[in-house]
C-alpha atoms as a PDB file:
ATOM      1  CA  MET A   1      98.839 112.897 130.146  1.00  0.00           C
ATOM      2  CA  ASN A   2      98.336 111.915 126.303  1.00  0.00           C
ATOM      3  CA  GLY A   3     100.508 112.108 123.383  1.00  0.00           C
ATOM      4  CA  ILE A   4     103.431 111.191 120.925  1.00  0.00           C
ATOM      5  CA  LEU A   5     107.534 111.010 122.262  1.00  0.00           C
ATOM      6  CA  ASN A   6     110.308 111.152 119.180  1.00  0.00           C
ATOM      7  CA  VAL A   7     112.410 108.579 121.158  1.00  0.00           C
ATOM      8  CA  TYR A   8     115.937 107.543 121.172  1.00  0.00           C
ATOM      9  CA  LYS A   9     116.392 103.907 121.647  1.00  0.00           C
ATOM     10  CA  PRO A  10     120.186 103.351 122.603  1.00  0.00           C
ATOM     11  CA  LYS A  11     121.872  99.651 121.831  1.00  0.00           C
ATOM     12  CA  GLY A  12     122.080  97.166 123.920  1.00  0.00           C
ATOM     13  CA  LEU A  13     118.329  97.490 125.153  1.00  0.00           C
ATOM     14  CA  THR A  14     114.995  96.252 124.196  1.00  0.00           C
ATOM     15  CA  SER A  15     111.960  98.187 123.071  1.00  0.00           C
ATOM     16  CA  HIS A  16     110.682  97.181 125.309  1.00  0.00           C
ATOM     17  CA  ASP A  17     112.460  98.597 127.960  1.00  0.00           C
ATOM     18  CA  VAL A  18     112.038 101.391 126.678  1.00  0.00           C
ATOM     19  CA  VAL A  19     108.222 101.756 127.464  1.00  0.00           C
ATOM     20  CA  ASP A  20     109.168 100.370 131.215  1.00  0.00           C
ATOM     21  CA  VAL A  21     112.147 103.447 132.278  1.00  0.00           C
ATOM     22  CA  ILE A  22     109.084 105.976 130.522  1.00  0.00           C
ATOM     23  CA  ARG A  23     105.951 104.109 132.990  1.00  0.00           C
ATOM     24  CA  LYS A  24     108.218 104.080 135.596  1.00  0.00           C
ATOM     25  CA  LYS A  25     109.323 107.798 135.534  1.00  0.00           C
ATOM     26  CA  LEU A  26     106.319 109.182 134.516  1.00  0.00           C
ATOM     27  CA  ASN A  27     103.941 106.904 136.291  1.00  0.00           C
ATOM     28  CA  ILE A  28     101.590 105.677 134.025  1.00  0.00           C
ATOM     29  CA  ARG A  29     101.092 102.320 132.979  1.00  0.00           C
ATOM     30  CA  LYS A  30      99.445 102.924 128.947  1.00  0.00           C
ATOM     31  CA  VAL A  31     103.134 103.445 127.245  1.00  0.00           C
ATOM     32  CA  GLY A  32     103.606 101.601 123.609  1.00  0.00           C
ATOM     33  CA  HIS A  33     105.718 101.968 120.571  1.00  0.00           C
ATOM     34  CA  ALA A  34     105.538 102.077 117.461  1.00  0.00           C
ATOM     35  CA  GLY A  35     107.543  99.653 115.259  1.00  0.00           C
ATOM     36  CA  THR A  36     110.054  97.377 116.917  1.00  0.00           C
ATOM     37  CA  LEU A  37     113.680  98.190 117.436  1.00  0.00           C
ATOM     38  CA  ASP A  38     116.228  95.198 117.978  1.00  0.00           C
ATOM     39  CA  PRO A  39     118.225  95.151 121.140  1.00  0.00           C
ATOM     40  CA  PHE A  40     121.581  95.459 118.210  1.00  0.00           C
ATOM     41  CA  ALA A  41     120.134  98.245 116.313  1.00  0.00           C
ATOM     42  CA  GLU A  42     119.720 101.952 117.910  1.00  0.00           C
ATOM     43  CA  GLY A  43     117.769 105.194 116.662  1.00  0.00           C
ATOM     44  CA  VAL A  44     114.158 106.539 116.517  1.00  0.00           C
ATOM     45  CA  LEU A  45     111.423 104.352 118.409  1.00  0.00           C
ATOM     46  CA  ILE A  46     108.027 106.491 118.729  1.00  0.00           C
ATOM     47  CA  ILE A  47     106.035 106.160 122.038  1.00  0.00           C
ATOM     48  CA  GLY A  48     102.269 106.513 122.526  1.00  0.00           C
ATOM     49  CA  LEU A  49     100.989 108.052 125.970  1.00  0.00           C
ATOM     50  CA  GLY A  50      97.932 107.918 127.005  1.00  0.00           C
ATOM     51  CA  HIS A  51      94.900 107.460 125.100  1.00  0.00           C
ATOM     52  CA  SER A  52      97.639 108.144 122.040  1.00  0.00           C
ATOM     53  CA  THR A  53      98.941 104.464 121.986  1.00  0.00           C
ATOM     54  CA  ARG A  54      95.152 103.781 119.923  1.00  0.00           C
ATOM     55  CA  LEU A  55      96.689 105.667 117.112  1.00  0.00           C
ATOM     56  CA  LEU A  56     100.039 104.349 117.351  1.00  0.00           C
ATOM     57  CA  GLU A  57      99.003 101.850 114.386  1.00  0.00           C
ATOM     58  CA  TYR A  58      99.190 105.060 111.524  1.00  0.00           C
ATOM     59  CA  PHE A  59     102.656 105.420 112.780  1.00  0.00           C
ATOM     60  CA  LYS A  60     103.815 101.485 111.569  1.00  0.00           C
ATOM     61  CA  ASP A  61     103.831 102.496 107.697  1.00  0.00           C
ATOM     62  CA  PHE A  62     105.815 105.622 107.991  1.00  0.00           C
ATOM     63  CA  LYS A  63     108.962 105.200 105.412  1.00  0.00           C
ATOM     64  CA  LYS A  64     111.556 104.267 108.005  1.00  0.00           C
ATOM     65  CA  ARG A  65     115.770 105.369 107.110  1.00  0.00           C
ATOM     66  CA  TYR A  66     118.708 103.524 107.703  1.00  0.00           C
ATOM     67  CA  TYR A  67     122.249 103.299 108.204  1.00  0.00           C
ATOM     68  CA  VAL A  68     123.821 100.233 108.155  1.00  0.00           C
ATOM     69  CA  LYS A  69     127.963  99.128 108.219  1.00  0.00           C
ATOM     70  CA  ALA A  70     127.926  95.042 107.740  1.00  0.00           C
ATOM     71  CA  ILE A  71     131.435  92.877 106.873  1.00  0.00           C
ATOM     72  CA  LEU A  72     131.345  90.879 104.295  1.00  0.00           C
ATOM     73  CA  GLY A  73     132.442  87.027 103.956  1.00  0.00           C
ATOM     74  CA  LEU A  74     130.444  86.158 107.748  1.00  0.00           C
ATOM     75  CA  ILE A  75     127.777  84.634 108.416  1.00  0.00           C
ATOM     76  CA  THR A  76     126.390  84.272 111.715  1.00  0.00           C
ATOM     77  CA  GLU A  77     122.628  82.500 113.120  1.00  0.00           C
ATOM     78  CA  THR A  78     121.146  86.405 113.821  1.00  0.00           C
ATOM     79  CA  PHE A  79     122.272  87.731 110.590  1.00  0.00           C
ATOM     80  CA  ASP A  80     124.392  90.620 112.802  1.00  0.00           C
ATOM     81  CA  ILE A  81     127.186  90.415 114.676  1.00  0.00           C
ATOM     82  CA  THR A  82     125.863  89.180 118.400  1.00  0.00           C
ATOM     83  CA  GLY A  83     124.716  86.462 116.546  1.00  0.00           C
ATOM     84  CA  GLU A  84     126.750  82.491 117.112  1.00  0.00           C
ATOM     85  CA  VAL A  85     128.864  82.287 113.407  1.00  0.00           C
ATOM     86  CA  LYS A  86     127.796  80.019 110.901  1.00  0.00           C
ATOM     87  CA  GLU A  87     130.256  80.247 108.608  1.00  0.00           C
ATOM     88  CA  GLU A  88     133.131  82.212 107.846  1.00  0.00           C
ATOM     89  CA  LYS A  89     134.341  82.845 103.475  1.00  0.00           C
ATOM     90  CA  ASN A  90     136.710  85.141 101.738  1.00  0.00           C
ATOM     91  CA  CYS A  91     135.495  87.550  99.343  1.00  0.00           C
ATOM     92  CA  ASN A  92     137.526  89.375  96.636  1.00  0.00           C
ATOM     93  CA  LYS A  93     135.182  91.393  95.376  1.00  0.00           C
ATOM     94  CA  SER A  94     136.381  94.740  94.104  1.00  0.00           C
ATOM     95  CA  ALA A  95     134.428  97.766  95.140  1.00  0.00           C
ATOM     96  CA  LYS A  96     132.537  98.512  91.728  1.00  0.00           C
ATOM     97  CA  GLU A  97     131.263  94.968  92.392  1.00  0.00           C
ATOM     98  CA  ILE A  98     130.593  95.338  95.972  1.00  0.00           C
ATOM     99  CA  ILE A  99     128.873  99.254  94.985  1.00  0.00           C
ATOM    100  CA  GLU A 100     126.510  97.476  91.596  1.00  0.00           C
ATOM    101  CA  ALA A 101     125.434  94.213  94.260  1.00  0.00           C
ATOM    102  CA  ILE A 102     124.420  97.008  96.797  1.00  0.00           C
ATOM    103  CA  ASN A 103     122.782  99.684  94.581  1.00  0.00           C
ATOM    104  CA  SER A 104     120.763  96.438  92.593  1.00  0.00           C
ATOM    105  CA  PHE A 105     118.474  95.899  95.648  1.00  0.00           C
ATOM    106  CA  LYS A 106     116.638  99.577  95.433  1.00  0.00           C
ATOM    107  CA  GLY A 107     112.953  98.990  94.170  1.00  0.00           C
ATOM    108  CA  LYS A 108     111.066  95.867  95.108  1.00  0.00           C
ATOM    109  CA  TYR A 109     112.185  92.345  96.235  1.00  0.00           C
ATOM    110  CA  LEU A 110     111.106  89.752  97.981  1.00  0.00           C
ATOM    111  CA  GLN A 111     112.955  89.540 100.951  1.00  0.00           C
ATOM    112  CA  VAL A 112     112.583  86.346 103.776  1.00  0.00           C
ATOM    113  CA  PRO A 113     112.554  87.993 107.272  1.00  0.00           C
ATOM    114  CA  PRO A 114     115.657  86.472 109.784  1.00  0.00           C
ATOM    115  CA  ALA A 115     114.326  83.838 112.036  1.00  0.00           C
ATOM    116  CA  TYR A 116     115.615  85.832 115.005  1.00  0.00           C
ATOM    117  CA  SER A 117     114.063  88.632 114.640  1.00  0.00           C
ATOM    118  CA  ALA A 118     110.764  90.229 116.534  1.00  0.00           C
ATOM    119  CA  LYS A 119     108.049  88.875 113.778  1.00  0.00           C
ATOM    120  CA  LYS A 120     105.531  86.961 115.715  1.00  0.00           C
ATOM    121  CA  TYR A 121     104.313  83.373 114.308  1.00  0.00           C
ATOM    122  CA  LYS A 122     101.469  82.282 116.325  1.00  0.00           C
ATOM    123  CA  GLY A 123     101.206  84.724 118.517  1.00  0.00           C
ATOM    124  CA  LYS A 124     105.351  83.799 119.244  1.00  0.00           C
ATOM    125  CA  ARG A 125     108.019  85.802 118.643  1.00  0.00           C
ATOM    126  CA  LEU A 126     110.105  84.684 116.285  1.00  0.00           C
ATOM    127  CA  TYR A 127     112.974  85.061 118.087  1.00  0.00           C
ATOM    128  CA  LYS A 128     112.162  83.201 121.384  1.00  0.00           C
ATOM    129  CA  LEU A 129     110.867  80.182 119.516  1.00  0.00           C
ATOM    130  CA  ALA A 130     114.891  80.422 117.630  1.00  0.00           C
ATOM    131  CA  ARG A 131     116.261  80.683 121.352  1.00  0.00           C
ATOM    132  CA  GLU A 132     114.143  77.264 121.797  1.00  0.00           C
ATOM    133  CA  GLY A 133     115.400  75.599 118.516  1.00  0.00           C
ATOM    134  CA  LYS A 134     112.895  76.176 117.135  1.00  0.00           C
ATOM    135  CA  ILE A 135     113.672  77.700 113.390  1.00  0.00           C
ATOM    136  CA  ILE A 136     110.522  79.523 111.806  1.00  0.00           C
ATOM    137  CA  SER A 137     111.275  79.136 107.824  1.00  0.00           C
ATOM    138  CA  LEU A 138     108.571  82.194 106.790  1.00  0.00           C
ATOM    139  CA  PRO A 139     107.817  82.771 103.223  1.00  0.00           C
ATOM    140  CA  PRO A 140     109.215  86.219 101.414  1.00  0.00           C
ATOM    141  CA  ARG A 141     107.132  89.259 101.535  1.00  0.00           C
ATOM    142  CA  GLU A 142     107.508  92.177  99.233  1.00  0.00           C
ATOM    143  CA  VAL A 143     109.471  95.483 100.553  1.00  0.00           C
ATOM    144  CA  GLU A 144     110.681  98.101  98.698  1.00  0.00           C
ATOM    145  CA  ILE A 145     113.833  99.745  98.612  1.00  0.00           C
ATOM    146  CA  TYR A 146     113.498 103.146  97.480  1.00  0.00           C
ATOM    147  CA  ASN A 147     117.010 104.680  98.098  1.00  0.00           C
ATOM    148  CA  ILE A 148     120.692 104.006  98.467  1.00  0.00           C
ATOM    149  CA  GLU A 149     122.717 106.633  98.994  1.00  0.00           C
ATOM    150  CA  ASN A 150     126.086 107.645 100.947  1.00  0.00           C
ATOM    151  CA  ILE A 151     127.842 104.230 100.201  1.00  0.00           C
ATOM    152  CA  LYS A 152     131.486 103.627 101.433  1.00  0.00           C
ATOM    153  CA  VAL A 153     133.638 100.588 100.689  1.00  0.00           C
ATOM    154  CA  ASN A 154     136.353  99.536 102.886  1.00  0.00           C
ATOM    155  CA  PRO A 155     136.707  95.764 101.629  1.00  0.00           C
ATOM    156  CA  PRO A 156     135.429  93.559 103.578  1.00  0.00           C
ATOM    157  CA  TYR A 157     133.419  96.580 105.166  1.00  0.00           C
ATOM    158  CA  PHE A 158     130.569  98.696 103.804  1.00  0.00           C
ATOM    159  CA  SER A 159     128.185 101.375 104.452  1.00  0.00           C
ATOM    160  CA  PHE A 160     125.265 103.141 102.867  1.00  0.00           C
ATOM    161  CA  GLU A 161     122.378 105.118 104.347  1.00  0.00           C
ATOM    162  CA  VAL A 162     118.975 103.334 103.569  1.00  0.00           C
ATOM    163  CA  GLU A 163     115.539 104.285 102.938  1.00  0.00           C
ATOM    164  CA  VAL A 164     113.098 101.457 103.053  1.00  0.00           C
ATOM    165  CA  SER A 165     109.064  99.952 103.306  1.00  0.00           C
ATOM    166  CA  THR A 166     107.554  98.860 106.896  1.00  0.00           C
ATOM    167  CA  GLY A 167     108.691  95.052 107.139  1.00  0.00           C
ATOM    168  CA  THR A 168     112.218  95.773 105.630  1.00  0.00           C
ATOM    169  CA  TYR A 169     114.642  93.882 107.875  1.00  0.00           C
ATOM    170  CA  ILE A 170     117.889  95.865 107.269  1.00  0.00           C
ATOM    171  CA  ARG A 171     119.791  92.706 108.086  1.00  0.00           C
ATOM    172  CA  SER A 172     118.369  90.438 105.656  1.00  0.00           C
ATOM    173  CA  LEU A 173     119.442  93.302 103.202  1.00  0.00           C
ATOM    174  CA  CYS A 174     123.072  93.047 104.506  1.00  0.00           C
ATOM    175  CA  MET A 175     122.382  88.932 103.924  1.00  0.00           C
ATOM    176  CA  ASP A 176     121.451  89.202 100.170  1.00  0.00           C
ATOM    177  CA  ILE A 177     124.240  91.314  99.589  1.00  0.00           C
ATOM    178  CA  GLY A 178     126.428  89.017 100.381  1.00  0.00           C
ATOM    179  CA  TYR A 179     124.640  85.756  99.219  1.00  0.00           C
ATOM    180  CA  LYS A 180     124.666  88.426  95.701  1.00  0.00           C
ATOM    181  CA  LEU A 181     128.297  88.172  95.744  1.00  0.00           C
ATOM    182  CA  SER A 182     129.073  84.697  97.169  1.00  0.00           C
ATOM    183  CA  CYS A 183     130.302  85.161 100.401  1.00  0.00           C
ATOM    184  CA  GLY A 184     127.146  86.380 102.288  1.00  0.00           C
ATOM    185  CA  ALA A 185     127.208  89.574 105.151  1.00  0.00           C
ATOM    186  CA  THR A 186     126.592  90.208 108.696  1.00  0.00           C
ATOM    187  CA  ALA A 187     125.657  93.830 110.035  1.00  0.00           C
ATOM    188  CA  VAL A 188     128.058  94.867 112.773  1.00  0.00           C
ATOM    189  CA  GLU A 189     126.093  98.209 112.798  1.00  0.00           C
ATOM    190  CA  LEU A 190     122.578  99.736 112.401  1.00  0.00           C
ATOM    191  CA  VAL A 191     120.871 102.838 113.692  1.00  0.00           C
ATOM    192  CA  ARG A 192     117.465 104.102 111.906  1.00  0.00           C
ATOM    193  CA  THR A 193     117.860 107.716 112.050  1.00  0.00           C
ATOM    194  CA  ASN A 194     114.300 108.491 110.811  1.00  0.00           C
ATOM    195  CA  ILE A 195     110.820 107.586 110.783  1.00  0.00           C
ATOM    196  CA  GLY A 196     108.771 109.901 108.823  1.00  0.00           C
ATOM    197  CA  ASP A 197     109.815 113.602 109.942  1.00  0.00           C
ATOM    198  CA  PHE A 198     110.789 111.837 113.191  1.00  0.00           C
ATOM    199  CA  ASN A 199     114.020 112.585 113.274  1.00  0.00           C
ATOM    200  CA  ILE A 200     117.401 111.288 115.643  1.00  0.00           C
ATOM    201  CA  LYS A 201     118.766 114.677 116.776  1.00  0.00           C
ATOM    202  CA  ASN A 202     115.242 115.652 117.419  1.00  0.00           C
ATOM    203  CA  SER A 203     115.133 112.497 119.825  1.00  0.00           C
ATOM    204  CA  ILE A 204     115.769 111.372 124.034  1.00  0.00           C
ATOM    205  CA  ASN A 205     117.062 109.297 125.439  1.00  0.00           C
ATOM    206  CA  PRO A 206     114.311 108.120 128.647  1.00  0.00           C
ATOM    207  CA  PHE A 207     117.216 106.608 130.487  1.00  0.00           C
ATOM    208  CA  GLU A 208     119.294 110.576 130.839  1.00  0.00           C
ATOM    209  CA  LYS A 209     116.041 112.255 131.066  1.00  0.00           C
ATOM    210  CA  SER A 210     113.793 112.658 133.610  1.00  0.00           C
ATOM    211  CA  ARG A 211     110.233 113.244 134.589  1.00  0.00           C
ATOM    212  CA  GLU A 212     110.063 116.585 133.451  1.00  0.00           C
ATOM    213  CA  GLU A 213     112.408 116.332 130.605  1.00  0.00           C
ATOM    214  CA  ILE A 214     110.707 114.033 129.498  1.00  0.00           C
ATOM    215  CA  LEU A 215     107.223 115.687 129.132  1.00  0.00           C
ATOM    216  CA  SER A 216     108.859 118.562 127.814  1.00  0.00           C
ATOM    217  CA  HIS A 217     108.950 116.659 124.531  1.00  0.00           C
ATOM    218  CA  LEU A 218     105.382 115.815 124.574  1.00  0.00           C
ATOM    219  CA  MET A 219     103.279 116.410 121.458  1.00  0.00           C
ATOM    220  CA  ASN A 220     100.485 116.562 120.494  1.00  0.00           C
ATOM    221  CA  PRO A 221      98.695 114.089 117.878  1.00  0.00           C
ATOM    222  CA  VAL A 222      97.224 116.663 116.115  1.00  0.00           C
ATOM    223  CA  LYS A 223     100.436 117.811 115.233  1.00  0.00           C
ATOM    224  CA  VAL A 224     102.809 115.208 114.221  1.00  0.00           C
ATOM    225  CA  LEU A 225      99.535 111.894 113.198  1.00  0.00           C
ATOM    226  CA  ASN A 226      99.566 112.138 109.214  1.00  0.00           C
ATOM    227  CA  LEU A 227      96.373 112.486 108.872  1.00  0.00           C
ATOM    228  CA  PRO A 228      93.251 115.049 106.986  1.00  0.00           C
ATOM    229  CA  LYS A 229      92.513 116.862 109.826  1.00  0.00           C
ATOM    230  CA  VAL A 230      88.985 118.686 109.903  1.00  0.00           C
ATOM    231  CA  VAL A 231      87.336 121.119 112.751  1.00  0.00           C
ATOM    232  CA  ILE A 232      84.713 120.375 114.138  1.00  0.00           C
ATOM    233  CA  TYR A 233      82.035 122.580 116.153  1.00  0.00           C
ATOM    234  CA  LYS A 234      82.213 122.841 120.307  1.00  0.00           C
ATOM    235  CA  ASP A 235      78.449 122.325 120.415  1.00  0.00           C
ATOM    236  CA  TYR A 236      78.826 118.552 118.578  1.00  0.00           C
ATOM    237  CA  VAL A 237      81.813 117.247 120.164  1.00  0.00           C
ATOM    238  CA  GLU A 238      79.813 115.680 123.067  1.00  0.00           C
ATOM    239  CA  LYS A 239      77.377 114.416 120.246  1.00  0.00           C
ATOM    240  CA  ILE A 240      80.454 112.426 118.748  1.00  0.00           C
ATOM    241  CA  PHE A 241      81.335 111.735 122.828  1.00  0.00           C
ATOM    242  CA  ASN A 242      78.226 110.043 122.990  1.00  0.00           C
ATOM    243  CA  GLY A 243      78.384 107.877 119.841  1.00  0.00           C
ATOM    244  CA  ILE A 244      75.931 110.172 117.460  1.00  0.00           C
ATOM    245  CA  GLN A 245      77.974 109.655 113.535  1.00  0.00           C
ATOM    246  CA  PRO A 246      78.885 113.222 112.761  1.00  0.00           C
ATOM    247  CA  THR A 247      77.117 115.356 109.945  1.00  0.00           C
ATOM    248  CA  LEU A 248      77.615 117.611 107.619  1.00  0.00           C
ATOM    249  CA  GLU A 249      76.084 120.239 110.056  1.00  0.00           C
ATOM    250  CA  PHE A 250      79.039 119.205 112.829  1.00  0.00           C
ATOM    251  CA  VAL A 251      81.610 119.876 110.321  1.00  0.00           C
ATOM    252  CA  LYS A 252      83.115 123.668 110.616  1.00  0.00           C
ATOM    253  CA  GLU A 253      86.500 123.486 108.434  1.00  0.00           C
ATOM    254  CA  ILE A 254      87.771 121.259 106.644  1.00  0.00           C
ATOM    255  CA  ILE A 255      91.910 121.746 106.949  1.00  0.00           C
ATOM    256  CA  ASN A 256      92.491 118.494 104.423  1.00  0.00           C
ATOM    257  CA  ASP A 257      91.448 117.600 101.379  1.00  0.00           C
ATOM    258  CA  PHE A 258      90.376 113.641 101.631  1.00  0.00           C
ATOM    259  CA  LYS A 259      88.494 110.827 100.107  1.00  0.00           C
ATOM    260  CA  LYS A 260      85.877 108.239 100.467  1.00  0.00           C
ATOM    261  CA  GLY A 261      87.220 105.463 102.597  1.00  0.00           C
ATOM    262  CA  ASN A 262      90.312 107.901 104.177  1.00  0.00           C
ATOM    263  CA  ASP A 263      90.653 107.579 107.430  1.00  0.00           C
ATOM    264  CA  VAL A 264      89.980 111.472 109.228  1.00  0.00           C
ATOM    265  CA  MET A 265      91.002 112.983 112.697  1.00  0.00           C
ATOM    266  CA  LEU A 266      87.779 114.935 113.879  1.00  0.00           C
ATOM    267  CA  VAL A 267      89.319 117.847 115.902  1.00  0.00           C
ATOM    268  CA  CYS A 268      88.066 120.760 118.499  1.00  0.00           C
ATOM    269  CA  ASP A 269      90.241 123.385 120.065  1.00  0.00           C
ATOM    270  CA  GLU A 270      93.658 121.613 118.582  1.00  0.00           C
ATOM    271  CA  LYS A 271      92.340 118.500 120.369  1.00  0.00           C
ATOM    272  CA  LEU A 272      91.760 114.916 118.700  1.00  0.00           C
ATOM    273  CA  ILE A 273      87.804 114.260 119.486  1.00  0.00           C
ATOM    274  CA  ALA A 274      87.992 110.791 117.135  1.00  0.00           C
ATOM    275  CA  ILE A 275      89.375 108.749 113.870  1.00  0.00           C
ATOM    276  CA  ALA A 276      86.588 108.174 111.342  1.00  0.00           C
ATOM    277  CA  LYS A 277      86.058 107.060 107.999  1.00  0.00           C
ATOM    278  CA  ALA A 278      85.427 109.429 105.739  1.00  0.00           C
ATOM    279  CA  GLU A 279      81.542 108.301 103.631  1.00  0.00           C
ATOM    280  CA  ARG A 280      82.105 111.441 101.317  1.00  0.00           C
ATOM    281  CA  ASN A 281      84.890 113.073  99.001  1.00  0.00           C
ATOM    282  CA  SER A 282      85.614 116.326 100.547  1.00  0.00           C
ATOM    283  CA  SER A 283      85.149 117.500  96.972  1.00  0.00           C
ATOM    284  CA  PHE A 284      81.663 116.860  97.026  1.00  0.00           C
ATOM    285  CA  PHE A 285      80.684 118.130 100.503  1.00  0.00           C
ATOM    286  CA  GLU A 286      80.258 121.973  99.023  1.00  0.00           C
ATOM    287  CA  THR A 287      77.336 120.465  96.974  1.00  0.00           C
ATOM    288  CA  LEU A 288      76.199 119.070  99.888  1.00  0.00           C
ATOM    289  CA  ARG A 289      75.782 122.555 101.719  1.00  0.00           C
ATOM    290  CA  LYS A 290      74.216 123.539  98.365  1.00  0.00           C
ATOM    291  CA  GLU A 291      71.239 121.234  98.656  1.00  0.00           C
ATOM    292  CA  SER A 292      70.373 121.720 102.349  1.00  0.00           C
ATOM    293  CA  ARG A 293      71.532 118.250 103.194  1.00  0.00           C
ATOM    294  CA  LEU A 294      73.074 118.996 106.644  1.00  0.00           C
ATOM    295  CA  ARG A 295      71.869 116.206 108.392  1.00  0.00           C
ATOM    296  CA  GLU A 296      73.616 113.135 105.973  1.00  0.00           C
ATOM    297  CA  ARG A 297      76.368 111.005 107.434  1.00  0.00           C
ATOM    298  CA  ILE A 298      79.507 111.827 105.891  1.00  0.00           C
ATOM    299  CA  PHE A 299      81.612 109.871 108.464  1.00  0.00           C
ATOM    300  CA  SER A 300      82.057 106.750 110.041  1.00  0.00           C
ATOM    301  CA  LEU A 301      83.404 106.770 113.731  1.00  0.00           C
ATOM    302  CA  LYS A 302      85.997 104.671 114.226  1.00  0.00           C
ATOM    303  CA  LYS A 303      88.225 105.643 116.963  1.00  0.00           C
ATOM    304  CA  VAL A 304      86.739 108.167 120.050  1.00  0.00           C
ATOM    305  CA  PHE A 305      88.617 110.132 122.615  1.00  0.00           C
ATOM    306  CA  LYS A 306      86.806 110.714 125.476  1.00  0.00           C
ATOM    307  CA  GLU A 307      89.263 111.850 127.209  1.00  0.00           C
ATOM    308  CA  ALA A 308      89.668 115.122 125.735  1.00  0.00           C
ATOM    309  CA  LYS A 309      89.296 117.806 128.292  1.00  0.00           C
ATOM    310  CA  PHE A 310      87.130 121.082 127.156  1.00  0.00           C
END
């Protein structure tokens, strides 16, 4: 059993709860997720089964899109409505001022991760440390807000849709908007609607689906992994399984161009054989062929998937 699932995580559950229910329904241990979604939030969570768990790192850097609703003048310890209220203020700002503050965060800025988050500090989740009374203040990190749209303001509430880089905390973004307006803000609703091309409209709720229904939505990683694809002759697949570094004579077809240093998928019959690092630009392969340098190594194997059946 192997593949990728576009899963809907309901509000109030952890990402690990989603992994657990899929393990039980499919009777498989090897299940993982790409990027944690907080219990307070709901929406898209990418799940890997079988040897596809080794590919989840390639999904983590996809752009993410969220819908968020927040309330001005309320500050909680978690930056969302589930946390203990720390401060309440009046926020007498106009709709125009609120919209201007929201839009001012477009682009790159330094953001401090919330103390109550799934981010790790010395191997332990921040929210676990916080519950023990150990509040860790991490240094700010650069994030990027690619786009903000569909802004709606109904004081003290505001909402918008936002597309962000990996590692961006929307709770922190709301709080930063509130700080800019001198009153703070707290997220009251948060929905992750997209991770790359994975859309909430096509996601499945594993808590409501049978084993057969879940398996019917399993996707071939070759179809959804955003890496250049190179087709390998079937006669050379076993050599790759045995750890032999691919040369040009292994290559049947280059589907996507790539640069030296890029990771690429090596596939055969639409099955993923390996992830490899390119040692040459794909544009140089024709020169190698003309010079009959077919046995020159062109890829370095990184991950080999011997589980592929032929």
